[in-house]
PDB file of N, CA and C in Angstrom:
ATOM      1  N   MET A   1      24.141   6.403 -26.236  1.00  0.00           N
ATOM      2  CA  MET A   1      22.506   7.010 -26.013  1.00  0.00           C
ATOM      3  C   MET A   1      21.815   5.405 -25.395  1.00  0.00           C
ATOM      4  N   ILE A   2      21.328   6.057 -24.485  1.00  0.00           N
ATOM      5  CA  ILE A   2      20.269   5.795 -23.300  1.00  0.00           C
ATOM      6  C   ILE A   2      18.612   6.435 -24.010  1.00  0.00           C
ATOM      7  N   TYR A   3      17.426   5.131 -24.798  1.00  0.00           N
ATOM      8  CA  TYR A   3      16.340   5.411 -24.712  1.00  0.00           C
ATOM      9  C   TYR A   3      15.326   4.300 -23.852  1.00  0.00           C
ATOM     10  N   VAL A   4      14.886   5.562 -23.060  1.00  0.00           N
ATOM     11  CA  VAL A   4      13.720   4.631 -22.263  1.00  0.00           C
ATOM     12  C   VAL A   4      11.880   4.419 -23.031  1.00  0.00           C
ATOM     13  N   PRO A   5      12.176   3.612 -23.900  1.00  0.00           N
ATOM     14  CA  PRO A   5      10.434   3.960 -24.324  1.00  0.00           C
ATOM     15  C   PRO A   5       9.746   3.574 -23.197  1.00  0.00           C
ATOM     16  N   PHE A   6       8.501   4.259 -23.168  1.00  0.00           N
ATOM     17  CA  PHE A   6       8.276   4.477 -21.790  1.00  0.00           C
ATOM     18  C   PHE A   6       6.064   4.537 -22.478  1.00  0.00           C
ATOM     19  N   ASP A   7       4.944   3.869 -21.700  1.00  0.00           N
ATOM     20  CA  ASP A   7       3.965   3.741 -22.021  1.00  0.00           C
ATOM     21  C   ASP A   7       2.985   3.919 -20.690  1.00  0.00           C
ATOM     22  N   VAL A   8       1.953   4.761 -20.830  1.00  0.00           N
ATOM     23  CA  VAL A   8       1.134   4.858 -19.829  1.00  0.00           C
ATOM     24  C   VAL A   8      -0.367   4.344 -19.916  1.00  0.00           C
ATOM     25  N   GLU A   9      -0.817   3.582 -18.723  1.00  0.00           N
ATOM     26  CA  GLU A   9      -2.165   3.550 -19.831  1.00  0.00           C
ATOM     27  C   GLU A   9      -3.179   4.223 -18.592  1.00  0.00           C
ATOM     28  N   THR A  10      -4.290   4.219 -19.047  1.00  0.00           N
ATOM     29  CA  THR A  10      -5.292   5.225 -17.947  1.00  0.00           C
ATOM     30  C   THR A  10      -6.132   4.492 -18.533  1.00  0.00           C
ATOM     31  N   GLY A  11      -7.378   4.652 -17.072  1.00  0.00           N
ATOM     32  CA  GLY A  11      -8.660   3.814 -16.770  1.00  0.00           C
ATOM     33  C   GLY A  11      -9.374   5.267 -17.192  1.00  0.00           C
ATOM     34  N   GLY A  12      -8.693   6.285 -17.838  1.00  0.00           N
ATOM     35  CA  GLY A  12      -9.685   7.751 -18.499  1.00  0.00           C
ATOM     36  C   GLY A  12      -9.333   8.302 -17.166  1.00  0.00           C
ATOM     37  N   GLU A  13      -9.991   9.994 -17.896  1.00  0.00           N
ATOM     38  CA  GLU A  13      -9.967  11.208 -16.946  1.00  0.00           C
ATOM     39  C   GLU A  13      -9.917  11.233 -15.283  1.00  0.00           C
ATOM     40  N   TYR A  14     -10.640  10.744 -14.964  1.00  0.00           N
ATOM     41  CA  TYR A  14     -11.506  10.610 -13.757  1.00  0.00           C
ATOM     42  C   TYR A  14     -10.405   9.187 -13.375  1.00  0.00           C
ATOM     43  N   CYS A  15     -10.543   8.863 -13.331  1.00  0.00           N
ATOM     44  CA  CYS A  15      -9.580   7.335 -13.084  1.00  0.00           C
ATOM     45  C   CYS A  15      -7.696   7.701 -12.466  1.00  0.00           C
ATOM     46  N   GLY A  16      -7.548   7.719 -14.002  1.00  0.00           N
ATOM     47  CA  GLY A  16      -5.771   8.092 -13.337  1.00  0.00           C
ATOM     48  C   GLY A  16      -5.083   7.095 -14.184  1.00  0.00           C
ATOM     49  N   ILE A  17      -3.791   7.138 -13.728  1.00  0.00           N
ATOM     50  CA  ILE A  17      -2.865   6.240 -14.535  1.00  0.00           C
ATOM     51  C   ILE A  17      -2.533   4.670 -13.713  1.00  0.00           C
ATOM     52  N   ILE A  18      -3.502   3.386 -14.589  1.00  0.00           N
ATOM     53  CA  ILE A  18      -3.625   1.889 -14.352  1.00  0.00           C
ATOM     54  C   ILE A  18      -2.115   1.243 -14.553  1.00  0.00           C
ATOM     55  N   GLN A  19      -1.348   1.877 -15.754  1.00  0.00           N
ATOM     56  CA  GLN A  19      -0.375   1.174 -15.615  1.00  0.00           C
ATOM     57  C   GLN A  19       1.041   1.990 -16.451  1.00  0.00           C
ATOM     58  N   MET A  20       1.653   1.286 -16.135  1.00  0.00           N
ATOM     59  CA  MET A  20       2.883   2.262 -16.536  1.00  0.00           C
ATOM     60  C   MET A  20       3.981   1.475 -16.929  1.00  0.00           C
ATOM     61  N   SER A  21       4.837   0.728 -18.183  1.00  0.00           N
ATOM     62  CA  SER A  21       5.673   0.290 -18.680  1.00  0.00           C
ATOM     63  C   SER A  21       6.826   1.012 -18.908  1.00  0.00           C
ATOM     64  N   ALA A  22       8.225   0.758 -19.062  1.00  0.00           N
ATOM     65  CA  ALA A  22       9.386   0.803 -19.540  1.00  0.00           C
ATOM     66  C   ALA A  22      10.343   0.166 -19.663  1.00  0.00           C
ATOM     67  N   ASN A  23      11.038   0.286 -21.077  1.00  0.00           N
ATOM     68  CA  ASN A  23      12.155  -0.660 -20.900  1.00  0.00           C
ATOM     69  C   ASN A  23      13.867   0.161 -21.130  1.00  0.00           C
ATOM     70  N   ILE A  24      14.853  -0.429 -21.060  1.00  0.00           N
ATOM     71  CA  ILE A  24      16.092   0.593 -21.243  1.00  0.00           C
ATOM     72  C   ILE A  24      16.495   0.129 -22.958  1.00  0.00           C
ATOM     73  N   PHE A  25      17.169   0.675 -23.418  1.00  0.00           N
ATOM     74  CA  PHE A  25      17.508   0.175 -24.917  1.00  0.00           C
ATOM     75  C   PHE A  25      18.771   1.412 -25.358  1.00  0.00           C
ATOM     76  N   ARG A  26      20.287   0.616 -25.267  1.00  0.00           N
ATOM     77  CA  ARG A  26      21.359   1.183 -24.893  1.00  0.00           C
ATOM     78  C   ARG A  26      21.729   1.081 -26.516  1.00  0.00           C
ATOM     79  N   ILE A  27      21.966   2.360 -27.210  1.00  0.00           N
ATOM     80  CA  ILE A  27      23.220   2.131 -28.422  1.00  0.00           C
ATOM     81  C   ILE A  27      24.279   2.183 -27.966  1.00  0.00           C
ATOM     82  N   ASN A  28      25.027   1.472 -28.692  1.00  0.00           N
ATOM     83  CA  ASN A  28      26.606   1.061 -28.495  1.00  0.00           C
ATOM     84  C   ASN A  28      27.182   0.960 -29.920  1.00  0.00           C
ATOM     85  N   ASN A  29      27.939   1.144 -30.475  1.00  0.00           N
ATOM     86  CA  ASN A  29      28.730   1.454 -31.241  1.00  0.00           C
ATOM     87  C   ASN A  29      27.688   1.262 -32.551  1.00  0.00           C
ATOM     88  N   ASN A  30      26.742   1.390 -32.692  1.00  0.00           N
ATOM     89  CA  ASN A  30      26.045   1.149 -33.913  1.00  0.00           C
ATOM     90  C   ASN A  30      24.683   0.031 -33.189  1.00  0.00           C
ATOM     91  N   ASP A  31      25.267  -0.016 -32.060  1.00  0.00           N
ATOM     92  CA  ASP A  31      24.642  -1.454 -32.095  1.00  0.00           C
ATOM     93  C   ASP A  31      23.445  -0.962 -30.759  1.00  0.00           C
ATOM     94  N   GLY A  32      21.792  -1.449 -31.014  1.00  0.00           N
ATOM     95  CA  GLY A  32      21.365  -1.565 -29.935  1.00  0.00           C
ATOM     96  C   GLY A  32      21.102  -2.834 -29.389  1.00  0.00           C
ATOM     97  N   GLU A  33      20.867  -2.417 -28.114  1.00  0.00           N
ATOM     98  CA  GLU A  33      20.523  -3.758 -27.096  1.00  0.00           C
ATOM     99  C   GLU A  33      19.320  -3.281 -26.264  1.00  0.00           C
ATOM    100  N   ILE A  34      18.350  -4.053 -26.084  1.00  0.00           N
ATOM    101  CA  ILE A  34      17.859  -3.978 -24.947  1.00  0.00           C
ATOM    102  C   ILE A  34      18.094  -3.995 -23.276  1.00  0.00           C
ATOM    103  N   GLU A  35      18.238  -3.506 -22.613  1.00  0.00           N
ATOM    104  CA  GLU A  35      18.333  -4.316 -21.300  1.00  0.00           C
ATOM    105  C   GLU A  35      17.045  -5.893 -21.068  1.00  0.00           C
ATOM    106  N   ARG A  36      17.265  -6.623 -20.124  1.00  0.00           N
ATOM    107  CA  ARG A  36      16.565  -7.543 -20.153  1.00  0.00           C
ATOM    108  C   ARG A  36      15.204  -7.029 -18.913  1.00  0.00           C
ATOM    109  N   GLU A  37      16.019  -6.604 -17.544  1.00  0.00           N
ATOM    110  CA  GLU A  37      14.990  -5.847 -17.160  1.00  0.00           C
ATOM    111  C   GLU A  37      14.345  -5.041 -17.351  1.00  0.00           C
ATOM    112  N   SER A  38      12.807  -4.785 -17.347  1.00  0.00           N
ATOM    113  CA  SER A  38      11.705  -4.316 -18.086  1.00  0.00           C
ATOM    114  C   SER A  38      10.825  -3.469 -16.774  1.00  0.00           C
ATOM    115  N   PHE A  39      10.636  -2.834 -17.185  1.00  0.00           N
ATOM    116  CA  PHE A  39       9.431  -1.955 -15.903  1.00  0.00           C
ATOM    117  C   PHE A  39       8.192  -2.521 -16.372  1.00  0.00           C
ATOM    118  N   ASP A  40       7.708  -3.132 -15.641  1.00  0.00           N
ATOM    119  CA  ASP A  40       6.385  -3.413 -15.920  1.00  0.00           C
ATOM    120  C   ASP A  40       4.904  -3.223 -14.755  1.00  0.00           C
ATOM    121  N   ARG A  41       4.445  -2.056 -14.455  1.00  0.00           N
ATOM    122  CA  ARG A  41       2.965  -2.233 -13.188  1.00  0.00           C
ATOM    123  C   ARG A  41       1.967  -1.619 -13.256  1.00  0.00           C
ATOM    124  N   TYR A  42       0.946  -2.143 -12.472  1.00  0.00           N
ATOM    125  CA  TYR A  42      -0.417  -1.772 -12.521  1.00  0.00           C
ATOM    126  C   TYR A  42      -0.095  -0.993 -11.679  1.00  0.00           C
ATOM    127  N   VAL A  43      -1.107  -0.280 -11.522  1.00  0.00           N
ATOM    128  CA  VAL A  43      -1.702   1.104 -10.743  1.00  0.00           C
ATOM    129  C   VAL A  43      -2.950   0.874 -10.584  1.00  0.00           C
ATOM    130  N   LYS A  44      -3.169   0.810  -8.482  1.00  0.00           N
ATOM    131  CA  LYS A  44      -4.270   0.743  -8.120  1.00  0.00           C
ATOM    132  C   LYS A  44      -5.319   2.942  -8.395  1.00  0.00           C
ATOM    133  N   PRO A  45      -6.370   2.748  -8.507  1.00  0.00           N
ATOM    134  CA  PRO A  45      -6.960   4.309  -8.600  1.00  0.00           C
ATOM    135  C   PRO A  45      -6.957   4.679  -7.530  1.00  0.00           C
ATOM    136  N   HIS A  46      -7.250   5.838  -7.299  1.00  0.00           N
ATOM    137  CA  HIS A  46      -7.786   6.135  -5.695  1.00  0.00           C
ATOM    138  C   HIS A  46      -9.053   5.687  -5.791  1.00  0.00           C
ATOM    139  N   ASP A  47      -9.655   5.550  -4.649  1.00  0.00           N
ATOM    140  CA  ASP A  47     -10.730   5.184  -4.214  1.00  0.00           C
ATOM    141  C   ASP A  47     -12.056   6.305  -4.456  1.00  0.00           C
ATOM    142  N   GLY A  48     -12.858   5.747  -5.271  1.00  0.00           N
ATOM    143  CA  GLY A  48     -14.021   6.719  -6.054  1.00  0.00           C
ATOM    144  C   GLY A  48     -13.519   7.044  -7.231  1.00  0.00           C
ATOM    145  N   ALA A  49     -12.578   6.312  -7.761  1.00  0.00           N
ATOM    146  CA  ALA A  49     -12.353   6.817  -9.382  1.00  0.00           C
ATOM    147  C   ALA A  49     -13.521   6.258 -10.035  1.00  0.00           C
ATOM    148  N   ILE A  50     -13.877   7.354 -11.631  1.00  0.00           N
ATOM    149  CA  ILE A  50     -14.773   6.957 -12.645  1.00  0.00           C
ATOM    150  C   ILE A  50     -13.564   6.146 -14.187  1.00  0.00           C
ATOM    151  N   TRP A  51     -14.042   4.995 -13.957  1.00  0.00           N
ATOM    152  CA  TRP A  51     -13.468   3.890 -15.494  1.00  0.00           C
ATOM    153  C   TRP A  51     -14.370   4.624 -15.895  1.00  0.00           C
ATOM    154  N   SER A  52     -13.234   4.909 -17.102  1.00  0.00           N
ATOM    155  CA  SER A  52     -14.157   5.402 -18.840  1.00  0.00           C
ATOM    156  C   SER A  52     -14.181   3.100 -19.071  1.00  0.00           C
ATOM    157  N   SER A  53     -15.301   3.266 -19.968  1.00  0.00           N
ATOM    158  CA  SER A  53     -15.471   1.821 -20.459  1.00  0.00           C
ATOM    159  C   SER A  53     -14.300   2.005 -21.636  1.00  0.00           C
ATOM    160  N   PHE A  54     -13.361   3.195 -22.197  1.00  0.00           N
ATOM    161  CA  PHE A  54     -12.160   2.067 -23.067  1.00  0.00           C
ATOM    162  C   PHE A  54     -11.481   0.964 -22.470  1.00  0.00           C
ATOM    163  N   SER A  55     -11.420   1.371 -21.055  1.00  0.00           N
ATOM    164  CA  SER A  55     -10.449   1.020 -20.416  1.00  0.00           C
ATOM    165  C   SER A  55     -10.596  -0.469 -20.680  1.00  0.00           C
ATOM    166  N   THR A  56     -11.975  -1.029 -19.772  1.00  0.00           N
ATOM    167  CA  THR A  56     -12.281  -2.611 -19.807  1.00  0.00           C
ATOM    168  C   THR A  56     -12.100  -3.088 -21.012  1.00  0.00           C
ATOM    169  N   ASP A  57     -12.862  -2.231 -22.474  1.00  0.00           N
ATOM    170  CA  ASP A  57     -13.093  -2.687 -23.264  1.00  0.00           C
ATOM    171  C   ASP A  57     -11.352  -2.454 -24.517  1.00  0.00           C
ATOM    172  N   ASP A  58     -10.446  -1.706 -23.951  1.00  0.00           N
ATOM    173  CA  ASP A  58      -9.429  -1.779 -25.244  1.00  0.00           C
ATOM    174  C   ASP A  58      -8.056  -2.767 -24.250  1.00  0.00           C
ATOM    175  N   TYR A  59      -8.145  -2.585 -22.753  1.00  0.00           N
ATOM    176  CA  TYR A  59      -7.419  -3.391 -22.136  1.00  0.00           C
ATOM    177  C   TYR A  59      -7.625  -4.455 -21.172  1.00  0.00           C
ATOM    178  N   GLY A  60      -9.253  -4.419 -21.253  1.00  0.00           N
ATOM    179  CA  GLY A  60      -9.817  -5.625 -20.600  1.00  0.00           C
ATOM    180  C   GLY A  60      -9.374  -5.899 -18.902  1.00  0.00           C
ATOM    181  N   LEU A  61      -9.187  -4.163 -17.824  1.00  0.00           N
ATOM    182  CA  LEU A  61      -9.208  -3.590 -16.866  1.00  0.00           C
ATOM    183  C   LEU A  61     -10.259  -2.583 -16.584  1.00  0.00           C
ATOM    184  N   HIS A  62     -10.311  -3.501 -15.376  1.00  0.00           N
ATOM    185  CA  HIS A  62     -11.341  -2.922 -14.490  1.00  0.00           C
ATOM    186  C   HIS A  62     -11.434  -2.826 -13.153  1.00  0.00           C
ATOM    187  N   ALA A  63     -11.640  -1.834 -12.232  1.00  0.00           N
ATOM    188  CA  ALA A  63     -11.565  -1.754 -11.034  1.00  0.00           C
ATOM    189  C   ALA A  63     -11.034  -3.351 -10.046  1.00  0.00           C
ATOM    190  N   ASN A  64     -12.204  -4.225 -10.538  1.00  0.00           N
ATOM    191  CA  ASN A  64     -11.953  -5.408  -9.852  1.00  0.00           C
ATOM    192  C   ASN A  64     -11.055  -6.486 -10.405  1.00  0.00           C
ATOM    193  N   SER A  65     -10.276  -5.701 -11.522  1.00  0.00           N
ATOM    194  CA  SER A  65      -9.255  -7.130 -12.192  1.00  0.00           C
ATOM    195  C   SER A  65      -8.510  -7.510 -11.032  1.00  0.00           C
ATOM    196  N   PRO A  66      -8.167  -8.887 -11.089  1.00  0.00           N
ATOM    197  CA  PRO A  66      -7.076  -8.708  -9.705  1.00  0.00           C
ATOM    198  C   PRO A  66      -5.787  -8.322  -9.824  1.00  0.00           C
ATOM    199  N   GLU A  67      -4.873  -7.521 -11.869  1.00  0.00           N
ATOM    200  CA  GLU A  67      -3.961  -7.281 -11.448  1.00  0.00           C
ATOM    201  C   GLU A  67      -4.341  -5.779 -10.843  1.00  0.00           C
ATOM    202  N   ILE A  68      -5.578  -5.242 -10.673  1.00  0.00           N
ATOM    203  CA  ILE A  68      -5.853  -3.611  -9.892  1.00  0.00           C
ATOM    204  C   ILE A  68      -5.892  -3.358  -8.940  1.00  0.00           C
ATOM    205  N   LYS A  69      -6.897  -4.653  -8.251  1.00  0.00           N
ATOM    206  CA  LYS A  69      -6.984  -4.918  -7.328  1.00  0.00           C
ATOM    207  C   LYS A  69      -5.403  -5.246  -6.512  1.00  0.00           C
ATOM    208  N   ASN A  70      -4.733  -5.537  -7.036  1.00  0.00           N
ATOM    209  CA  ASN A  70      -3.368  -6.556  -6.015  1.00  0.00           C
ATOM    210  C   ASN A  70      -2.308  -5.284  -6.391  1.00  0.00           C
ATOM    211  N   ALA A  71      -2.542  -4.103  -7.163  1.00  0.00           N
ATOM    212  CA  ALA A  71      -1.723  -3.243  -7.215  1.00  0.00           C
ATOM    213  C   ALA A  71      -1.091  -2.541  -6.016  1.00  0.00           C
ATOM    214  N   LYS A  72      -0.039  -1.459  -6.453  1.00  0.00           N
ATOM    215  CA  LYS A  72       0.110  -0.398  -5.495  1.00  0.00           C
ATOM    216  C   LYS A  72      -0.397   0.698  -6.311  1.00  0.00           C
ATOM    217  N   ARG A  73      -0.589   2.006  -5.314  1.00  0.00           N
ATOM    218  CA  ARG A  73      -0.566   3.298  -5.219  1.00  0.00           C
ATOM    219  C   ARG A  73       0.054   4.054  -5.990  1.00  0.00           C
ATOM    220  N   ILE A  74      -0.389   4.860  -6.403  1.00  0.00           N
ATOM    221  CA  ILE A  74       0.592   5.494  -7.745  1.00  0.00           C
ATOM    222  C   ILE A  74       1.597   6.219  -7.806  1.00  0.00           C
ATOM    223  N   GLU A  75       1.461   6.831  -6.502  1.00  0.00           N
ATOM    224  CA  GLU A  75       3.021   7.342  -5.540  1.00  0.00           C
ATOM    225  C   GLU A  75       3.569   6.412  -5.656  1.00  0.00           C
ATOM    226  N   ILE A  76       3.709   4.881  -4.733  1.00  0.00           N
ATOM    227  CA  ILE A  76       4.537   4.329  -4.910  1.00  0.00           C
ATOM    228  C   ILE A  76       5.603   4.027  -6.409  1.00  0.00           C
ATOM    229  N   VAL A  77       4.247   3.259  -7.207  1.00  0.00           N
ATOM    230  CA  VAL A  77       4.602   2.972  -8.622  1.00  0.00           C
ATOM    231  C   VAL A  77       5.414   3.847  -8.668  1.00  0.00           C
ATOM    232  N   TRP A  78       5.395   5.732  -8.897  1.00  0.00           N
ATOM    233  CA  TRP A  78       6.373   6.209  -9.761  1.00  0.00           C
ATOM    234  C   TRP A  78       7.684   6.163  -8.642  1.00  0.00           C
ATOM    235  N   ASN A  79       7.404   5.750  -7.633  1.00  0.00           N
ATOM    236  CA  ASN A  79       8.825   6.222  -7.129  1.00  0.00           C
ATOM    237  C   ASN A  79      10.024   4.959  -7.253  1.00  0.00           C
ATOM    238  N   GLU A  80       9.414   3.425  -8.030  1.00  0.00           N
ATOM    239  CA  GLU A  80       9.503   2.151  -8.132  1.00  0.00           C
ATOM    240  C   GLU A  80      10.058   2.705  -9.014  1.00  0.00           C
ATOM    241  N   PHE A  81       9.371   3.509 -10.920  1.00  0.00           N
ATOM    242  CA  PHE A  81       9.819   3.625 -11.592  1.00  0.00           C
ATOM    243  C   PHE A  81      11.522   4.546 -11.768  1.00  0.00           C
ATOM    244  N   VAL A  82      11.240   5.393 -11.094  1.00  0.00           N
ATOM    245  CA  VAL A  82      12.387   6.215 -10.575  1.00  0.00           C
ATOM    246  C   VAL A  82      13.729   5.246  -9.997  1.00  0.00           C
ATOM    247  N   SER A  83      13.591   4.679  -8.981  1.00  0.00           N
ATOM    248  CA  SER A  83      14.820   3.407  -8.739  1.00  0.00           C
ATOM    249  C   SER A  83      14.912   2.450 -10.410  1.00  0.00           C
ATOM    250  N   TYR A  84      14.200   2.569 -10.928  1.00  0.00           N
ATOM    251  CA  TYR A  84      14.162   1.555 -12.008  1.00  0.00           C
ATOM    252  C   TYR A  84      15.311   2.344 -12.888  1.00  0.00           C
ATOM    253  N   ILE A  85      15.081   3.463 -13.173  1.00  0.00           N
ATOM    254  CA  ILE A  85      15.725   4.581 -14.161  1.00  0.00           C
ATOM    255  C   ILE A  85      17.145   5.025 -13.412  1.00  0.00           C
ATOM    256  N   ASP A  86      17.018   5.177 -12.662  1.00  0.00           N
ATOM    257  CA  ASP A  86      18.956   5.315 -11.030  1.00  0.00           C
ATOM    258  C   ASP A  86      19.270   4.218 -11.051  1.00  0.00           C
ATOM    259  N   LYS A  87      18.510   2.951 -11.358  1.00  0.00           N
ATOM    260  CA  LYS A  87      19.741   1.644 -11.161  1.00  0.00           C
ATOM    261  C   LYS A  87      20.473   1.279 -12.684  1.00  0.00           C
ATOM    262  N   ASN A  88      19.528   1.514 -13.560  1.00  0.00           N
ATOM    263  CA  ASN A  88      19.463   1.293 -14.445  1.00  0.00           C
ATOM    264  C   ASN A  88      20.918   2.330 -16.079  1.00  0.00           C
ATOM    265  N   ILE A  89      20.602   3.497 -15.309  1.00  0.00           N
ATOM    266  CA  ILE A  89      21.343   5.161 -16.061  1.00  0.00           C
ATOM    267  C   ILE A  89      22.113   5.035 -14.708  1.00  0.00           C
ATOM    268  N   GLY A  90      23.256   5.022 -15.411  1.00  0.00           N
ATOM    269  CA  GLY A  90      24.415   6.053 -14.537  1.00  0.00           C
ATOM    270  C   GLY A  90      24.323   7.477 -14.426  1.00  0.00           C
ATOM    271  N   ARG A  91      24.956   8.319 -13.319  1.00  0.00           N
ATOM    272  CA  ARG A  91      24.853   9.817 -13.097  1.00  0.00           C
ATOM    273  C   ARG A  91      25.749  10.222 -14.309  1.00  0.00           C
ATOM    274  N   ASP A  92      26.887   9.681 -14.256  1.00  0.00           N
ATOM    275  CA  ASP A  92      27.411  10.689 -15.318  1.00  0.00           C
ATOM    276  C   ASP A  92      26.542  10.033 -17.497  1.00  0.00           C
ATOM    277  N   GLN A  93      25.425   9.646 -16.687  1.00  0.00           N
ATOM    278  CA  GLN A  93      24.942   8.883 -18.356  1.00  0.00           C
ATOM    279  C   GLN A  93      23.813  10.105 -18.857  1.00  0.00           C
ATOM    280  N   ARG A  94      22.673  10.058 -19.945  1.00  0.00           N
ATOM    281  CA  ARG A  94      22.129  10.811 -20.186  1.00  0.00           C
ATOM    282  C   ARG A  94      21.009   9.965 -20.993  1.00  0.00           C
ATOM    283  N   GLY A  95      19.799  10.084 -20.544  1.00  0.00           N
ATOM    284  CA  GLY A  95      18.814   9.345 -21.159  1.00  0.00           C
ATOM    285  C   GLY A  95      17.723   9.966 -21.722  1.00  0.00           C
ATOM    286  N   CYS A  96      17.028   9.098 -22.959  1.00  0.00           N
ATOM    287  CA  CYS A  96      16.090  10.349 -23.230  1.00  0.00           C
ATOM    288  C   CYS A  96      14.601   9.255 -23.276  1.00  0.00           C
ATOM    289  N   LEU A  97      13.445   9.865 -22.532  1.00  0.00           N
ATOM    290  CA  LEU A  97      12.788   9.228 -22.425  1.00  0.00           C
ATOM    291  C   LEU A  97      11.269   8.851 -23.685  1.00  0.00           C
ATOM    292  N   VAL A  98      11.508   8.059 -23.934  1.00  0.00           N
ATOM    293  CA  VAL A  98      10.569   8.399 -25.812  1.00  0.00           C
ATOM    294  C   VAL A  98       9.084   7.651 -25.187  1.00  0.00           C
ATOM    295  N   ALA A  99       7.799   8.508 -24.991  1.00  0.00           N
ATOM    296  CA  ALA A  99       6.260   7.966 -24.557  1.00  0.00           C
ATOM    297  C   ALA A  99       5.815   7.697 -25.803  1.00  0.00           C
ATOM    298  N   TRP A 100       5.230   6.648 -25.510  1.00  0.00           N
ATOM    299  CA  TRP A 100       4.098   6.076 -26.753  1.00  0.00           C
ATOM    300  C   TRP A 100       2.849   7.307 -26.681  1.00  0.00           C
ATOM    301  N   ASN A 101       2.058   7.627 -28.000  1.00  0.00           N
ATOM    302  CA  ASN A 101       1.268   8.835 -28.002  1.00  0.00           C
ATOM    303  C   ASN A 101       1.874   9.942 -26.383  1.00  0.00           C
ATOM    304  N   GLY A 102       2.509  10.343 -26.771  1.00  0.00           N
ATOM    305  CA  GLY A 102       3.013  10.754 -25.498  1.00  0.00           C
ATOM    306  C   GLY A 102       2.636  12.467 -25.235  1.00  0.00           C
ATOM    307  N   GLU A 103       2.654  12.838 -26.394  1.00  0.00           N
ATOM    308  CA  GLU A 103       2.159  14.826 -26.148  1.00  0.00           C
ATOM    309  C   GLU A 103       0.594  14.832 -26.156  1.00  0.00           C
ATOM    310  N   SER A 104      -0.406  13.471 -26.791  1.00  0.00           N
ATOM    311  CA  SER A 104      -1.315  13.399 -26.527  1.00  0.00           C
ATOM    312  C   SER A 104      -1.804  12.539 -24.894  1.00  0.00           C
ATOM    313  N   CYS A 105      -1.601  12.163 -24.461  1.00  0.00           N
ATOM    314  CA  CYS A 105      -1.588  11.449 -23.279  1.00  0.00           C
ATOM    315  C   CYS A 105      -0.802  11.552 -22.531  1.00  0.00           C
ATOM    316  N   ASP A 106       0.523  11.013 -22.589  1.00  0.00           N
ATOM    317  CA  ASP A 106       1.457   9.913 -21.499  1.00  0.00           C
ATOM    318  C   ASP A 106       1.950  11.255 -20.722  1.00  0.00           C
ATOM    319  N   MET A 107       2.745  12.301 -21.876  1.00  0.00           N
ATOM    320  CA  MET A 107       2.658  13.656 -20.633  1.00  0.00           C
ATOM    321  C   MET A 107       2.454  14.416 -19.997  1.00  0.00           C
ATOM    322  N   LYS A 108       1.205  14.043 -20.165  1.00  0.00           N
ATOM    323  CA  LYS A 108       0.316  14.927 -19.674  1.00  0.00           C
ATOM    324  C   LYS A 108       0.326  14.878 -17.470  1.00  0.00           C
ATOM    325  N   TRP A 109       0.330  13.107 -17.655  1.00  0.00           N
ATOM    326  CA  TRP A 109       0.005  12.378 -16.622  1.00  0.00           C
ATOM    327  C   TRP A 109       1.386  12.337 -15.893  1.00  0.00           C
ATOM    328  N   ILE A 110       2.339  12.389 -16.765  1.00  0.00           N
ATOM    329  CA  ILE A 110       3.722  12.587 -16.227  1.00  0.00           C
ATOM    330  C   ILE A 110       3.750  13.535 -15.416  1.00  0.00           C
ATOM    331  N   TYR A 111       3.252  14.814 -16.197  1.00  0.00           N
ATOM    332  CA  TYR A 111       3.059  16.004 -15.387  1.00  0.00           C
ATOM    333  C   TYR A 111       2.517  16.228 -14.607  1.00  0.00           C
ATOM    334  N   LYS A 112       1.642  15.934 -13.977  1.00  0.00           N
ATOM    335  CA  LYS A 112       0.741  15.682 -13.186  1.00  0.00           C
ATOM    336  C   LYS A 112       1.237  15.334 -11.948  1.00  0.00           C
ATOM    337  N   LEU A 113       2.466  13.993 -12.111  1.00  0.00           N
ATOM    338  CA  LEU A 113       2.813  13.498 -11.159  1.00  0.00           C
ATOM    339  C   LEU A 113       3.949  13.705 -10.583  1.00  0.00           C
ATOM    340  N   THR A 114       4.603  14.996 -11.841  1.00  0.00           N
ATOM    341  CA  THR A 114       5.782  15.560 -10.893  1.00  0.00           C
ATOM    342  C   THR A 114       5.921  16.272 -10.668  1.00  0.00           C
ATOM    343  N   GLN A 115       4.795  17.234 -10.677  1.00  0.00           N
ATOM    344  CA  GLN A 115       4.469  19.080 -10.084  1.00  0.00           C
ATOM    345  C   GLN A 115       4.346  18.771  -9.180  1.00  0.00           C
ATOM    346  N   ALA A 116       4.576  19.614  -8.469  1.00  0.00           N
ATOM    347  CA  ALA A 116       4.771  20.212  -6.600  1.00  0.00           C
ATOM    348  C   ALA A 116       2.960  20.706  -6.206  1.00  0.00           C
ATOM    349  N   PRO A 117       2.896  20.335  -5.336  1.00  0.00           N
ATOM    350  CA  PRO A 117       0.932  20.721  -5.087  1.00  0.00           C
ATOM    351  C   PRO A 117       1.500  22.109  -4.723  1.00  0.00           C
ATOM    352  N   GLY A 118       0.553  22.690  -5.248  1.00  0.00           N
ATOM    353  CA  GLY A 118       0.239  24.183  -4.609  1.00  0.00           C
ATOM    354  C   GLY A 118      -0.329  24.516  -5.971  1.00  0.00           C
TER     355      GLY A 118
END
């Protein structure tokens, strides 16, 4: 079994995702192993994003943070994440995405990312 512990940080409801991170955790013969390569990217929100105070208070991030100013847009980061998964989980394997605080937060944002417009 391959687990993918995954976390999304947001800048608030009107800001969106500001960081995505994940690891690959394989269980072989009852032994667990975390892959060396992890995924951790900051995300530049859309122009005019409204940042919630908790992003600054809890994460120390804001619109002028170097990590955010130098980050890529979510469309690019999402494609990088998909490539990370494809590279680390073969077509004949299955992985289980395990989101931190997933039901109340992370999965809502992933759902928004993966839905076709319209």
